[in-house]
Amino acid sequence: MARVSQEHLDARRRQILEGAALCFARNGFHATSMQDVLKEVDLSAGAVYRYYSGKEELIGAIVVEVLETVRDTYERAALESPPPLPDVLIPRALAQLREVKPGRLDNGEWVFPRLMIQVWSETLRNDQLSALMTAGYDKVRVAWAKVVEGYKAAGLMHEDADADAMARTMIALAQGFAAQMAVFGAASPEILRDGLRALMSMGESPARP
């Protein structure tokens, strides 16, 4: 029997995850059945269950992939000297997510923001998913803190600035913007960029006491 290449296995996993993400974003986690996923990806049950045991494992794999992508974006940014400022870095992270989770609904809406809210809701009742989210969030937070330390090293922030507090705040900002996209409709990365630049300019205002 011919061996299946790793490229084929990876492509099949990607096909299944992308199809599941579309289903979850479209109808919600609980309203989506594995039959819906099978239909979306046009594969047999055996082909899908070879990779994932069910909806819980699918959504867990999606969560891990997204959080690892975000963490990697900030880890690489922390190696730059100086790291890019938030008005560049946070839109960059969203752009990276668009590459990893490019799926769109029939109306053209990007899948990720709706999917994010679905995952948050499920996290409140699913301890295993909550643990995955917490572990992934902690890694993203640590990566962001490294970026903040890079700002300090470059003289862009006070030495006594709380790196963890800023990390949590910047993560919340990105999450909040994604939530707005899901609830109120598409918003361009330029809006996020310009809003961050406006906030960052407050310290430069001549009206500041």
N, C-alpha and C. Protein backbone atom coordinates (compact mmCIF):
# COMPACT_ATOMS: atom_id res chain seq x y z
N MET A 1 0.85 -1.20 0.00
CA MET A 1 0.00 0.00 0.00
C MET A 1 0.89 1.25 0.00
N ALA A 2 0.60 2.16 -0.92
CA ALA A 2 1.40 3.38 -1.01
C ALA A 2 1.20 4.24 0.23
N ARG A 3 2.29 4.83 0.70
CA ARG A 3 2.23 5.70 1.86
C ARG A 3 1.65 7.05 1.45
N VAL A 4 0.83 7.60 2.35
CA VAL A 4 0.26 8.93 2.11
C VAL A 4 1.27 9.97 2.56
N SER A 5 1.53 10.95 1.72
CA SER A 5 2.54 11.95 2.05
C SER A 5 2.08 12.85 3.19
N GLN A 6 3.06 13.43 3.89
CA GLN A 6 2.73 14.38 4.97
C GLN A 6 2.00 15.58 4.41
N GLU A 7 2.36 15.98 3.19
CA GLU A 7 1.68 17.11 2.57
C GLU A 7 0.20 16.83 2.38
N HIS A 8 -0.11 15.60 1.98
CA HIS A 8 -1.51 15.22 1.81
C HIS A 8 -2.24 15.23 3.14
N LEU A 9 -1.61 14.69 4.18
CA LEU A 9 -2.23 14.66 5.50
C LEU A 9 -2.49 16.07 6.02
N ASP A 10 -1.50 16.95 5.85
CA ASP A 10 -1.64 18.33 6.30
C ASP A 10 -2.75 19.05 5.54
N ALA A 11 -2.82 18.81 4.23
CA ALA A 11 -3.85 19.44 3.42
C ALA A 11 -5.24 18.96 3.81
N ARG A 12 -5.36 17.68 4.14
CA ARG A 12 -6.65 17.14 4.55
C ARG A 12 -7.08 17.72 5.90
N ARG A 13 -6.13 17.81 6.82
CA ARG A 13 -6.45 18.43 8.11
C ARG A 13 -6.91 19.87 7.91
N ARG A 14 -6.20 20.59 7.05
CA ARG A 14 -6.56 21.99 6.77
C ARG A 14 -7.96 22.06 6.18
N GLN A 15 -8.26 21.19 5.26
CA GLN A 15 -9.60 21.16 4.64
C GLN A 15 -10.68 20.95 5.69
N ILE A 16 -10.45 20.02 6.60
CA ILE A 16 -11.46 19.72 7.63
C ILE A 16 -11.61 20.88 8.61
N LEU A 17 -10.49 21.44 9.05
CA LEU A 17 -10.55 22.55 10.01
C LEU A 17 -11.23 23.77 9.41
N GLU A 18 -10.92 24.07 8.15
CA GLU A 18 -11.53 25.23 7.52
C GLU A 18 -13.03 25.02 7.34
N GLY A 19 -13.42 23.82 6.96
CA GLY A 19 -14.84 23.54 6.83
C GLY A 19 -15.57 23.61 8.16
N ALA A 20 -14.96 23.07 9.21
CA ALA A 20 -15.57 23.13 10.53
C ALA A 20 -15.69 24.57 11.01
N ALA A 21 -14.65 25.37 10.77
CA ALA A 21 -14.69 26.77 11.18
C ALA A 21 -15.84 27.51 10.50
N LEU A 22 -16.04 27.24 9.22
CA LEU A 22 -17.16 27.86 8.51
C LEU A 22 -18.49 27.46 9.12
N CYS A 23 -18.64 26.19 9.43
CA CYS A 23 -19.90 25.71 10.02
C CYS A 23 -20.15 26.33 11.38
N PHE A 24 -19.13 26.35 12.23
CA PHE A 24 -19.29 26.91 13.57
C PHE A 24 -19.61 28.40 13.51
N ALA A 25 -18.93 29.12 12.61
CA ALA A 25 -19.17 30.55 12.49
C ALA A 25 -20.57 30.83 11.94
N ARG A 26 -21.03 29.98 11.05
CA ARG A 26 -22.32 30.20 10.39
C ARG A 26 -23.49 29.93 11.34
N ASN A 27 -23.44 28.82 12.06
CA ASN A 27 -24.61 28.38 12.82
C ASN A 27 -24.37 28.21 14.31
N GLY A 28 -23.13 28.40 14.77
CA GLY A 28 -22.85 28.18 16.17
C GLY A 28 -22.41 26.75 16.43
N PHE A 29 -21.71 26.57 17.55
CA PHE A 29 -21.13 25.26 17.85
C PHE A 29 -22.20 24.21 18.09
N HIS A 30 -23.21 24.53 18.90
CA HIS A 30 -24.19 23.51 19.28
C HIS A 30 -25.18 23.21 18.16
N ALA A 31 -25.44 24.18 17.31
CA ALA A 31 -26.38 23.95 16.20
C ALA A 31 -25.71 23.25 15.02
N THR A 32 -24.41 23.09 15.09
CA THR A 32 -23.67 22.42 14.02
C THR A 32 -23.46 20.95 14.40
N SER A 33 -23.79 20.06 13.50
CA SER A 33 -23.56 18.64 13.71
C SER A 33 -22.34 18.19 12.92
N MET A 34 -21.83 17.03 13.24
CA MET A 34 -20.74 16.49 12.45
C MET A 34 -21.20 16.22 11.02
N GLN A 35 -22.47 15.92 10.82
CA GLN A 35 -22.99 15.75 9.47
C GLN A 35 -22.86 17.05 8.68
N ASP A 36 -23.07 18.18 9.35
CA ASP A 36 -22.89 19.47 8.68
C ASP A 36 -21.45 19.65 8.23
N VAL A 37 -20.53 19.25 9.09
CA VAL A 37 -19.10 19.37 8.75
C VAL A 37 -18.75 18.45 7.59
N LEU A 38 -19.25 17.23 7.63
CA LEU A 38 -18.98 16.28 6.54
C LEU A 38 -19.48 16.83 5.21
N LYS A 39 -20.67 17.42 5.24
CA LYS A 39 -21.23 17.98 4.01
C LYS A 39 -20.40 19.17 3.53
N GLU A 40 -19.96 19.99 4.46
CA GLU A 40 -19.18 21.18 4.10
C GLU A 40 -17.87 20.81 3.42
N VAL A 41 -17.19 19.79 3.96
CA VAL A 41 -15.88 19.42 3.42
C VAL A 41 -15.97 18.36 2.34
N ASP A 42 -17.19 17.82 2.12
CA ASP A 42 -17.42 16.82 1.08
C ASP A 42 -16.51 15.60 1.26
N LEU A 43 -16.50 15.09 2.52
CA LEU A 43 -15.71 13.92 2.83
C LEU A 43 -16.59 12.91 3.57
N SER A 44 -16.16 11.65 3.55
CA SER A 44 -16.89 10.63 4.28
C SER A 44 -16.60 10.75 5.77
N ALA A 45 -17.46 10.12 6.57
CA ALA A 45 -17.25 10.12 8.01
C ALA A 45 -15.90 9.49 8.36
N GLY A 46 -15.57 8.39 7.69
CA GLY A 46 -14.29 7.74 7.97
C GLY A 46 -13.10 8.64 7.70
N ALA A 47 -13.18 9.42 6.63
CA ALA A 47 -12.08 10.31 6.28
C ALA A 47 -11.88 11.39 7.33
N VAL A 48 -13.00 11.91 7.88
CA VAL A 48 -12.91 12.98 8.87
C VAL A 48 -12.52 12.42 10.23
N TYR A 49 -13.15 11.32 10.64
CA TYR A 49 -12.87 10.76 11.97
C TYR A 49 -11.47 10.17 12.06
N ARG A 50 -10.83 9.99 10.95
CA ARG A 50 -9.43 9.56 10.98
C ARG A 50 -8.55 10.63 11.63
N TYR A 51 -8.98 11.88 11.50
CA TYR A 51 -8.19 13.00 12.01
C TYR A 51 -8.75 13.59 13.31
N TYR A 52 -10.06 13.65 13.42
CA TYR A 52 -10.69 14.31 14.56
C TYR A 52 -11.85 13.46 15.08
N SER A 53 -11.92 13.32 16.40
CA SER A 53 -12.91 12.43 16.99
C SER A 53 -14.31 13.03 17.06
N GLY A 54 -14.43 14.35 16.92
CA GLY A 54 -15.74 14.99 16.99
C GLY A 54 -15.61 16.49 17.05
N LYS A 55 -16.72 17.15 17.35
CA LYS A 55 -16.75 18.61 17.34
C LYS A 55 -15.81 19.21 18.38
N GLU A 56 -15.74 18.59 19.56
CA GLU A 56 -14.91 19.13 20.62
C GLU A 56 -13.43 19.16 20.22
N GLU A 57 -13.00 18.09 19.58
CA GLU A 57 -11.60 18.06 19.14
C GLU A 57 -11.36 19.04 18.00
N LEU A 58 -12.34 19.21 17.13
CA LEU A 58 -12.21 20.18 16.04
C LEU A 58 -12.07 21.59 16.57
N ILE A 59 -12.94 21.98 17.48
CA ILE A 59 -12.88 23.35 17.97
C ILE A 59 -11.63 23.57 18.80
N GLY A 60 -11.18 22.52 19.50
CA GLY A 60 -9.93 22.63 20.23
C GLY A 60 -8.75 22.86 19.31
N ALA A 61 -8.73 22.14 18.20
CA ALA A 61 -7.63 22.29 17.23
C ALA A 61 -7.65 23.68 16.61
N ILE A 62 -8.83 24.22 16.36
CA ILE A 62 -8.94 25.57 15.81
C ILE A 62 -8.40 26.59 16.80
N VAL A 63 -8.78 26.43 18.06
CA VAL A 63 -8.32 27.36 19.11
C VAL A 63 -6.80 27.34 19.22
N VAL A 64 -6.23 26.15 19.27
CA VAL A 64 -4.78 26.04 19.40
C VAL A 64 -4.07 26.69 18.21
N GLU A 65 -4.58 26.45 17.03
CA GLU A 65 -3.96 27.01 15.82
C GLU A 65 -4.00 28.53 15.83
N VAL A 66 -5.14 29.09 16.18
CA VAL A 66 -5.28 30.55 16.20
C VAL A 66 -4.35 31.17 17.24
N LEU A 67 -4.35 30.63 18.45
CA LEU A 67 -3.52 31.21 19.51
C LEU A 67 -2.03 31.05 19.20
N GLU A 68 -1.64 29.95 18.59
CA GLU A 68 -0.24 29.78 18.22
C GLU A 68 0.17 30.78 17.14
N THR A 69 -0.75 31.07 16.22
CA THR A 69 -0.46 32.06 15.18
C THR A 69 -0.26 33.44 15.79
N VAL A 70 -1.13 33.81 16.73
CA VAL A 70 -1.01 35.12 17.38
C VAL A 70 0.28 35.18 18.19
N ARG A 71 0.55 34.13 18.95
CA ARG A 71 1.78 34.12 19.75
C ARG A 71 3.00 34.25 18.86
N ASP A 72 3.03 33.53 17.75
CA ASP A 72 4.18 33.57 16.85
C ASP A 72 4.38 34.98 16.28
N THR A 73 3.28 35.67 15.98
CA THR A 73 3.38 37.05 15.48
C THR A 73 4.08 37.94 16.48
N TYR A 74 3.70 37.84 17.75
CA TYR A 74 4.29 38.69 18.78
C TYR A 74 5.70 38.24 19.15
N GLU A 75 5.95 36.94 19.12
CA GLU A 75 7.30 36.44 19.39
C GLU A 75 8.29 37.00 18.37
N ARG A 76 7.89 36.96 17.11
CA ARG A 76 8.78 37.46 16.06
C ARG A 76 8.93 38.97 16.15
N ALA A 77 7.85 39.66 16.52
CA ALA A 77 7.93 41.12 16.67
C ALA A 77 8.88 41.50 17.79
N ALA A 78 8.90 40.70 18.86
CA ALA A 78 9.77 41.00 20.00
C ALA A 78 11.24 40.93 19.63
N LEU A 79 11.57 40.20 18.54
CA LEU A 79 12.96 40.08 18.11
C LEU A 79 13.41 41.27 17.27
N GLU A 80 12.46 42.08 16.81
CA GLU A 80 12.81 43.27 16.04
C GLU A 80 13.34 44.35 16.98
N SER A 81 14.16 45.23 16.46
CA SER A 81 14.76 46.27 17.29
C SER A 81 14.61 47.64 16.62
N PRO A 82 13.65 48.45 17.09
CA PRO A 82 12.71 48.14 18.16
C PRO A 82 11.52 47.35 17.60
N PRO A 83 10.72 46.75 18.47
CA PRO A 83 9.52 46.08 17.98
C PRO A 83 8.56 47.10 17.37
N PRO A 84 7.74 46.69 16.41
CA PRO A 84 6.76 47.62 15.84
C PRO A 84 5.78 48.09 16.91
N LEU A 85 5.36 49.33 16.81
CA LEU A 85 4.43 49.89 17.79
C LEU A 85 3.05 49.26 17.62
N PRO A 86 2.18 49.40 18.63
CA PRO A 86 0.87 48.74 18.57
C PRO A 86 0.04 49.06 17.34
N ASP A 87 0.15 50.30 16.80
CA ASP A 87 -0.65 50.65 15.64
C ASP A 87 -0.25 49.87 14.40
N VAL A 88 0.94 49.28 14.42
CA VAL A 88 1.41 48.41 13.34
C VAL A 88 1.24 46.95 13.73
N LEU A 89 1.58 46.64 14.97
CA LEU A 89 1.66 45.25 15.39
C LEU A 89 0.31 44.57 15.49
N ILE A 90 -0.68 45.23 16.07
CA ILE A 90 -1.98 44.58 16.24
C ILE A 90 -2.67 44.34 14.90
N PRO A 91 -2.71 45.34 13.98
CA PRO A 91 -3.24 45.02 12.65
C PRO A 91 -2.45 43.92 11.95
N ARG A 92 -1.14 43.84 12.20
CA ARG A 92 -0.35 42.77 11.62
C ARG A 92 -0.82 41.42 12.12
N ALA A 93 -1.11 41.33 13.42
CA ALA A 93 -1.59 40.06 13.98
C ALA A 93 -2.91 39.65 13.35
N LEU A 94 -3.81 40.61 13.15
CA LEU A 94 -5.08 40.29 12.50
C LEU A 94 -4.86 39.85 11.05
N ALA A 95 -3.89 40.48 10.39
CA ALA A 95 -3.59 40.09 9.01
C ALA A 95 -3.06 38.65 8.96
N GLN A 96 -2.23 38.28 9.94
CA GLN A 96 -1.72 36.91 10.00
C GLN A 96 -2.87 35.92 10.21
N LEU A 97 -3.84 36.30 11.04
CA LEU A 97 -4.99 35.43 11.26
C LEU A 97 -5.81 35.26 9.98
N ARG A 98 -5.88 36.30 9.18
CA ARG A 98 -6.61 36.19 7.91
C ARG A 98 -5.95 35.17 7.00
N GLU A 99 -4.63 35.04 7.10
CA GLU A 99 -3.93 34.04 6.28
C GLU A 99 -4.19 32.63 6.79
N VAL A 100 -4.26 32.49 8.12
CA VAL A 100 -4.47 31.17 8.71
C VAL A 100 -5.93 30.76 8.65
N LYS A 101 -6.82 31.73 8.89
CA LYS A 101 -8.27 31.47 8.87
C LYS A 101 -8.90 32.39 7.82
N PRO A 102 -8.69 32.08 6.52
CA PRO A 102 -9.14 32.99 5.46
C PRO A 102 -10.62 32.84 5.10
N GLY A 103 -11.28 31.84 5.67
CA GLY A 103 -12.64 31.52 5.24
C GLY A 103 -13.61 32.68 5.37
N ARG A 104 -14.57 32.70 4.46
CA ARG A 104 -15.60 33.73 4.47
C ARG A 104 -16.97 33.08 4.32
N LEU A 105 -17.97 33.69 4.94
CA LEU A 105 -19.33 33.23 4.80
C LEU A 105 -19.87 33.64 3.44
N ASP A 106 -21.07 33.21 3.12
CA ASP A 106 -21.65 33.49 1.80
C ASP A 106 -21.79 34.99 1.54
N ASN A 107 -21.97 35.79 2.61
CA ASN A 107 -22.09 37.24 2.43
C ASN A 107 -20.75 37.95 2.39
N GLY A 108 -19.67 37.19 2.38
CA GLY A 108 -18.34 37.77 2.32
C GLY A 108 -17.73 38.10 3.66
N GLU A 109 -18.46 37.85 4.75
CA GLU A 109 -17.97 38.18 6.08
C GLU A 109 -16.85 37.22 6.48
N TRP A 110 -15.79 37.78 7.06
CA TRP A 110 -14.66 36.98 7.52
C TRP A 110 -15.12 36.08 8.66
N VAL A 111 -14.70 34.83 8.63
CA VAL A 111 -15.15 33.83 9.59
C VAL A 111 -14.66 34.10 11.01
N PHE A 112 -13.41 34.52 11.16
CA PHE A 112 -12.77 34.51 12.47
C PHE A 112 -13.51 35.28 13.56
N PRO A 113 -13.97 36.52 13.34
CA PRO A 113 -14.63 37.22 14.44
C PRO A 113 -15.85 36.50 14.99
N ARG A 114 -16.70 35.97 14.11
CA ARG A 114 -17.86 35.21 14.56
C ARG A 114 -17.43 33.93 15.27
N LEU A 115 -16.42 33.29 14.74
CA LEU A 115 -15.91 32.07 15.35
C LEU A 115 -15.37 32.34 16.75
N MET A 116 -14.70 33.47 16.91
CA MET A 116 -14.13 33.83 18.21
C MET A 116 -15.22 33.92 19.27
N ILE A 117 -16.34 34.56 18.95
CA ILE A 117 -17.43 34.69 19.91
C ILE A 117 -18.03 33.33 20.23
N GLN A 118 -18.15 32.46 19.23
CA GLN A 118 -18.66 31.12 19.46
C GLN A 118 -17.75 30.35 20.43
N VAL A 119 -16.46 30.50 20.24
CA VAL A 119 -15.50 29.81 21.11
C VAL A 119 -15.60 30.35 22.53
N TRP A 120 -15.68 31.67 22.68
CA TRP A 120 -15.81 32.25 24.03
C TRP A 120 -17.02 31.67 24.75
N SER A 121 -18.14 31.59 24.05
CA SER A 121 -19.36 31.08 24.67
C SER A 121 -19.19 29.63 25.11
N GLU A 122 -18.57 28.82 24.25
CA GLU A 122 -18.39 27.42 24.58
C GLU A 122 -17.40 27.25 25.73
N THR A 123 -16.43 28.15 25.82
CA THR A 123 -15.44 28.07 26.89
C THR A 123 -16.07 28.15 28.27
N LEU A 124 -17.17 28.87 28.39
CA LEU A 124 -17.82 29.06 29.68
C LEU A 124 -18.43 27.78 30.23
N ARG A 125 -18.65 26.79 29.36
CA ARG A 125 -19.28 25.55 29.81
C ARG A 125 -18.41 24.31 29.58
N ASN A 126 -17.30 24.47 28.91
CA ASN A 126 -16.45 23.34 28.54
C ASN A 126 -15.09 23.50 29.21
N ASP A 127 -14.86 22.72 30.25
CA ASP A 127 -13.62 22.87 31.03
C ASP A 127 -12.38 22.55 30.22
N GLN A 128 -12.47 21.56 29.34
CA GLN A 128 -11.31 21.20 28.54
C GLN A 128 -10.94 22.33 27.57
N LEU A 129 -11.94 22.91 26.94
CA LEU A 129 -11.68 24.03 26.05
C LEU A 129 -11.19 25.24 26.83
N SER A 130 -11.75 25.45 28.01
CA SER A 130 -11.29 26.55 28.86
C SER A 130 -9.81 26.42 29.20
N ALA A 131 -9.38 25.19 29.47
CA ALA A 131 -7.97 24.97 29.79
C ALA A 131 -7.08 25.26 28.58
N LEU A 132 -7.53 24.86 27.38
CA LEU A 132 -6.78 25.16 26.17
C LEU A 132 -6.68 26.67 25.95
N MET A 133 -7.79 27.36 26.14
CA MET A 133 -7.82 28.80 25.97
C MET A 133 -6.90 29.49 26.96
N THR A 134 -6.96 29.06 28.21
CA THR A 134 -6.14 29.68 29.24
C THR A 134 -4.66 29.50 28.96
N ALA A 135 -4.28 28.28 28.58
CA ALA A 135 -2.87 28.01 28.28
C ALA A 135 -2.41 28.83 27.07
N GLY A 136 -3.24 28.89 26.04
CA GLY A 136 -2.87 29.65 24.85
C GLY A 136 -2.82 31.14 25.13
N TYR A 137 -3.79 31.64 25.90
CA TYR A 137 -3.81 33.05 26.25
C TYR A 137 -2.57 33.43 27.05
N ASP A 138 -2.16 32.58 27.98
CA ASP A 138 -0.98 32.87 28.78
C ASP A 138 0.27 32.98 27.90
N LYS A 139 0.36 32.13 26.89
CA LYS A 139 1.52 32.19 25.99
C LYS A 139 1.51 33.47 25.16
N VAL A 140 0.32 33.88 24.71
CA VAL A 140 0.21 35.14 23.96
C VAL A 140 0.58 36.31 24.87
N ARG A 141 0.12 36.26 26.10
CA ARG A 141 0.40 37.34 27.06
C ARG A 141 1.91 37.46 27.32
N VAL A 142 2.58 36.31 27.47
CA VAL A 142 4.03 36.33 27.68
C VAL A 142 4.74 36.90 26.46
N ALA A 143 4.28 36.52 25.27
CA ALA A 143 4.90 37.04 24.04
C ALA A 143 4.73 38.56 23.94
N TRP A 144 3.53 39.05 24.30
CA TRP A 144 3.30 40.49 24.27
C TRP A 144 4.19 41.19 25.28
N ALA A 145 4.37 40.59 26.44
CA ALA A 145 5.23 41.20 27.46
C ALA A 145 6.67 41.33 26.95
N LYS A 146 7.11 40.37 26.13
CA LYS A 146 8.45 40.48 25.53
C LYS A 146 8.51 41.68 24.59
N VAL A 147 7.43 41.94 23.88
CA VAL A 147 7.38 43.12 23.02
C VAL A 147 7.53 44.38 23.86
N VAL A 148 6.82 44.42 24.98
CA VAL A 148 6.90 45.59 25.86
C VAL A 148 8.33 45.78 26.38
N GLU A 149 8.98 44.69 26.73
CA GLU A 149 10.38 44.82 27.17
C GLU A 149 11.26 45.35 26.05
N GLY A 150 10.92 45.00 24.81
CA GLY A 150 11.64 45.57 23.67
C GLY A 150 11.43 47.06 23.55
N TYR A 151 10.20 47.51 23.83
CA TYR A 151 9.93 48.95 23.84
C TYR A 151 10.80 49.65 24.89
N LYS A 152 10.88 49.04 26.06
CA LYS A 152 11.67 49.63 27.14
C LYS A 152 13.14 49.72 26.73
N ALA A 153 13.66 48.64 26.16
CA ALA A 153 15.07 48.61 25.76
C ALA A 153 15.37 49.68 24.72
N ALA A 154 14.37 50.00 23.90
CA ALA A 154 14.56 51.01 22.85
C ALA A 154 14.27 52.42 23.36
N GLY A 155 13.93 52.55 24.63
CA GLY A 155 13.64 53.86 25.20
C GLY A 155 12.28 54.41 24.81
N LEU A 156 11.37 53.53 24.39
CA LEU A 156 10.05 53.97 23.97
C LEU A 156 9.03 53.98 25.11
N MET A 157 9.39 53.37 26.23
CA MET A 157 8.50 53.32 27.39
C MET A 157 9.32 53.51 28.65
N HIS A 158 8.65 53.93 29.72
CA HIS A 158 9.30 54.04 31.01
C HIS A 158 9.73 52.67 31.49
N GLU A 159 10.85 52.61 32.18
CA GLU A 159 11.37 51.33 32.67
C GLU A 159 10.42 50.67 33.67
N ASP A 160 9.65 51.48 34.40
CA ASP A 160 8.77 50.90 35.41
C ASP A 160 7.38 50.57 34.87
N ALA A 161 7.19 50.68 33.56
CA ALA A 161 5.89 50.32 32.98
C ALA A 161 5.59 48.85 33.23
N ASP A 162 4.34 48.55 33.54
CA ASP A 162 3.92 47.18 33.85
C ASP A 162 3.70 46.42 32.54
N ALA A 163 4.66 45.54 32.22
CA ALA A 163 4.61 44.82 30.94
C ALA A 163 3.39 43.92 30.85
N ASP A 164 3.06 43.24 31.95
CA ASP A 164 1.93 42.32 31.92
C ASP A 164 0.61 43.08 31.78
N ALA A 165 0.49 44.22 32.45
CA ALA A 165 -0.73 45.01 32.34
C ALA A 165 -0.93 45.50 30.91
N MET A 166 0.15 45.95 30.28
CA MET A 166 0.03 46.41 28.89
C MET A 166 -0.30 45.24 27.98
N ALA A 167 0.32 44.09 28.23
CA ALA A 167 0.04 42.91 27.40
C ALA A 167 -1.44 42.56 27.46
N ARG A 168 -2.00 42.53 28.65
CA ARG A 168 -3.42 42.20 28.81
C ARG A 168 -4.30 43.24 28.12
N THR A 169 -3.92 44.50 28.21
CA THR A 169 -4.71 45.57 27.61
C THR A 169 -4.68 45.50 26.09
N MET A 170 -3.50 45.25 25.51
CA MET A 170 -3.40 45.16 24.06
C MET A 170 -4.14 43.95 23.52
N ILE A 171 -4.11 42.84 24.25
CA ILE A 171 -4.87 41.66 23.83
C ILE A 171 -6.36 41.97 23.86
N ALA A 172 -6.79 42.64 24.94
CA ALA A 172 -8.21 43.00 25.05
C ALA A 172 -8.64 43.93 23.92
N LEU A 173 -7.76 44.83 23.53
CA LEU A 173 -8.09 45.75 22.45
C LEU A 173 -8.31 44.99 21.15
N ALA A 174 -7.41 44.06 20.84
CA ALA A 174 -7.56 43.27 19.61
C ALA A 174 -8.82 42.42 19.66
N GLN A 175 -9.08 41.80 20.81
CA GLN A 175 -10.28 40.99 20.95
C GLN A 175 -11.54 41.83 20.81
N GLY A 176 -11.53 43.01 21.42
CA GLY A 176 -12.70 43.89 21.35
C GLY A 176 -12.97 44.36 19.93
N PHE A 177 -11.93 44.64 19.19
CA PHE A 177 -12.11 45.07 17.81
C PHE A 177 -12.69 43.93 16.98
N ALA A 178 -12.18 42.71 17.21
CA ALA A 178 -12.72 41.55 16.49
C ALA A 178 -14.18 41.32 16.85
N ALA A 179 -14.53 41.53 18.12
CA ALA A 179 -15.93 41.37 18.54
C ALA A 179 -16.82 42.40 17.84
N GLN A 180 -16.35 43.62 17.69
CA GLN A 180 -17.11 44.63 16.94
C GLN A 180 -17.32 44.19 15.50
N MET A 181 -16.30 43.61 14.91
CA MET A 181 -16.42 43.13 13.53
C MET A 181 -17.52 42.08 13.43
N ALA A 182 -17.59 41.20 14.44
CA ALA A 182 -18.59 40.13 14.42
C ALA A 182 -19.99 40.67 14.62
N VAL A 183 -20.15 41.62 15.52
CA VAL A 183 -21.49 42.08 15.91
C VAL A 183 -22.00 43.19 14.99
N PHE A 184 -21.12 44.11 14.62
CA PHE A 184 -21.57 45.29 13.88
C PHE A 184 -21.17 45.29 12.41
N GLY A 185 -20.47 44.29 11.98
CA GLY A 185 -20.10 44.22 10.57
C GLY A 185 -18.63 44.50 10.35
N ALA A 186 -18.22 44.38 9.10
CA ALA A 186 -16.81 44.49 8.74
C ALA A 186 -16.27 45.86 9.09
N ALA A 187 -15.05 45.86 9.58
CA ALA A 187 -14.31 47.09 9.86
C ALA A 187 -12.89 46.89 9.36
N SER A 188 -12.36 47.87 8.70
CA SER A 188 -11.05 47.71 8.07
C SER A 188 -9.94 47.82 9.11
N PRO A 189 -8.80 47.17 8.85
CA PRO A 189 -7.65 47.30 9.75
C PRO A 189 -7.19 48.75 9.89
N GLU A 190 -7.48 49.57 8.89
CA GLU A 190 -7.08 50.97 8.96
C GLU A 190 -7.79 51.69 10.10
N ILE A 191 -9.03 51.29 10.41
CA ILE A 191 -9.74 51.91 11.53
C ILE A 191 -9.02 51.60 12.84
N LEU A 192 -8.63 50.37 13.02
CA LEU A 192 -7.88 49.99 14.22
C LEU A 192 -6.55 50.72 14.27
N ARG A 193 -5.86 50.75 13.16
CA ARG A 193 -4.57 51.45 13.11
C ARG A 193 -4.72 52.92 13.47
N ASP A 194 -5.71 53.58 12.86
CA ASP A 194 -5.87 55.01 13.10
C ASP A 194 -6.33 55.30 14.53
N GLY A 195 -7.17 54.42 15.07
CA GLY A 195 -7.59 54.61 16.44
C GLY A 195 -6.44 54.48 17.42
N LEU A 196 -5.58 53.50 17.18
CA LEU A 196 -4.41 53.33 18.03
C LEU A 196 -3.47 54.53 17.92
N ARG A 197 -3.30 55.02 16.70
CA ARG A 197 -2.43 56.18 16.53
C ARG A 197 -2.98 57.40 17.26
N ALA A 198 -4.29 57.55 17.25
CA ALA A 198 -4.90 58.66 17.97
C ALA A 198 -4.64 58.53 19.47
N LEU A 199 -4.81 57.33 20.00
CA LEU A 199 -4.53 57.12 21.43
C LEU A 199 -3.06 57.38 21.75
N MET A 200 -2.18 56.90 20.89
CA MET A 200 -0.75 57.06 21.14
C MET A 200 -0.30 58.51 21.05
N SER A 201 -1.08 59.34 20.35
CA SER A 201 -0.71 60.74 20.19
C SER A 201 -1.08 61.60 21.38
N MET A 202 -1.83 61.06 22.34
CA MET A 202 -2.29 61.88 23.47
C MET A 202 -1.15 62.47 24.26
N GLY A 203 -0.06 61.71 24.41
CA GLY A 203 1.08 62.22 25.16
C GLY A 203 1.79 63.34 24.46
N GLU A 204 1.53 63.50 23.15
CA GLU A 204 2.18 64.56 22.39
C GLU A 204 1.34 65.83 22.31
N SER A 205 0.12 65.78 22.86
CA SER A 205 -0.80 66.91 22.73
C SER A 205 -0.31 68.11 23.54
N PRO A 206 -0.28 69.31 22.94
CA PRO A 206 0.12 70.50 23.68
C PRO A 206 -0.86 70.88 24.77
N ALA A 207 -2.08 70.34 24.70
CA ALA A 207 -3.09 70.66 25.71
C ALA A 207 -2.93 69.84 26.96
N ARG A 208 -2.04 68.82 26.92
CA ARG A 208 -1.89 67.97 28.09
C ARG A 208 -1.23 68.73 29.24
N PRO A 209 -1.81 68.69 30.46
CA PRO A 209 -1.23 69.43 31.56
C PRO A 209 0.12 68.87 31.98
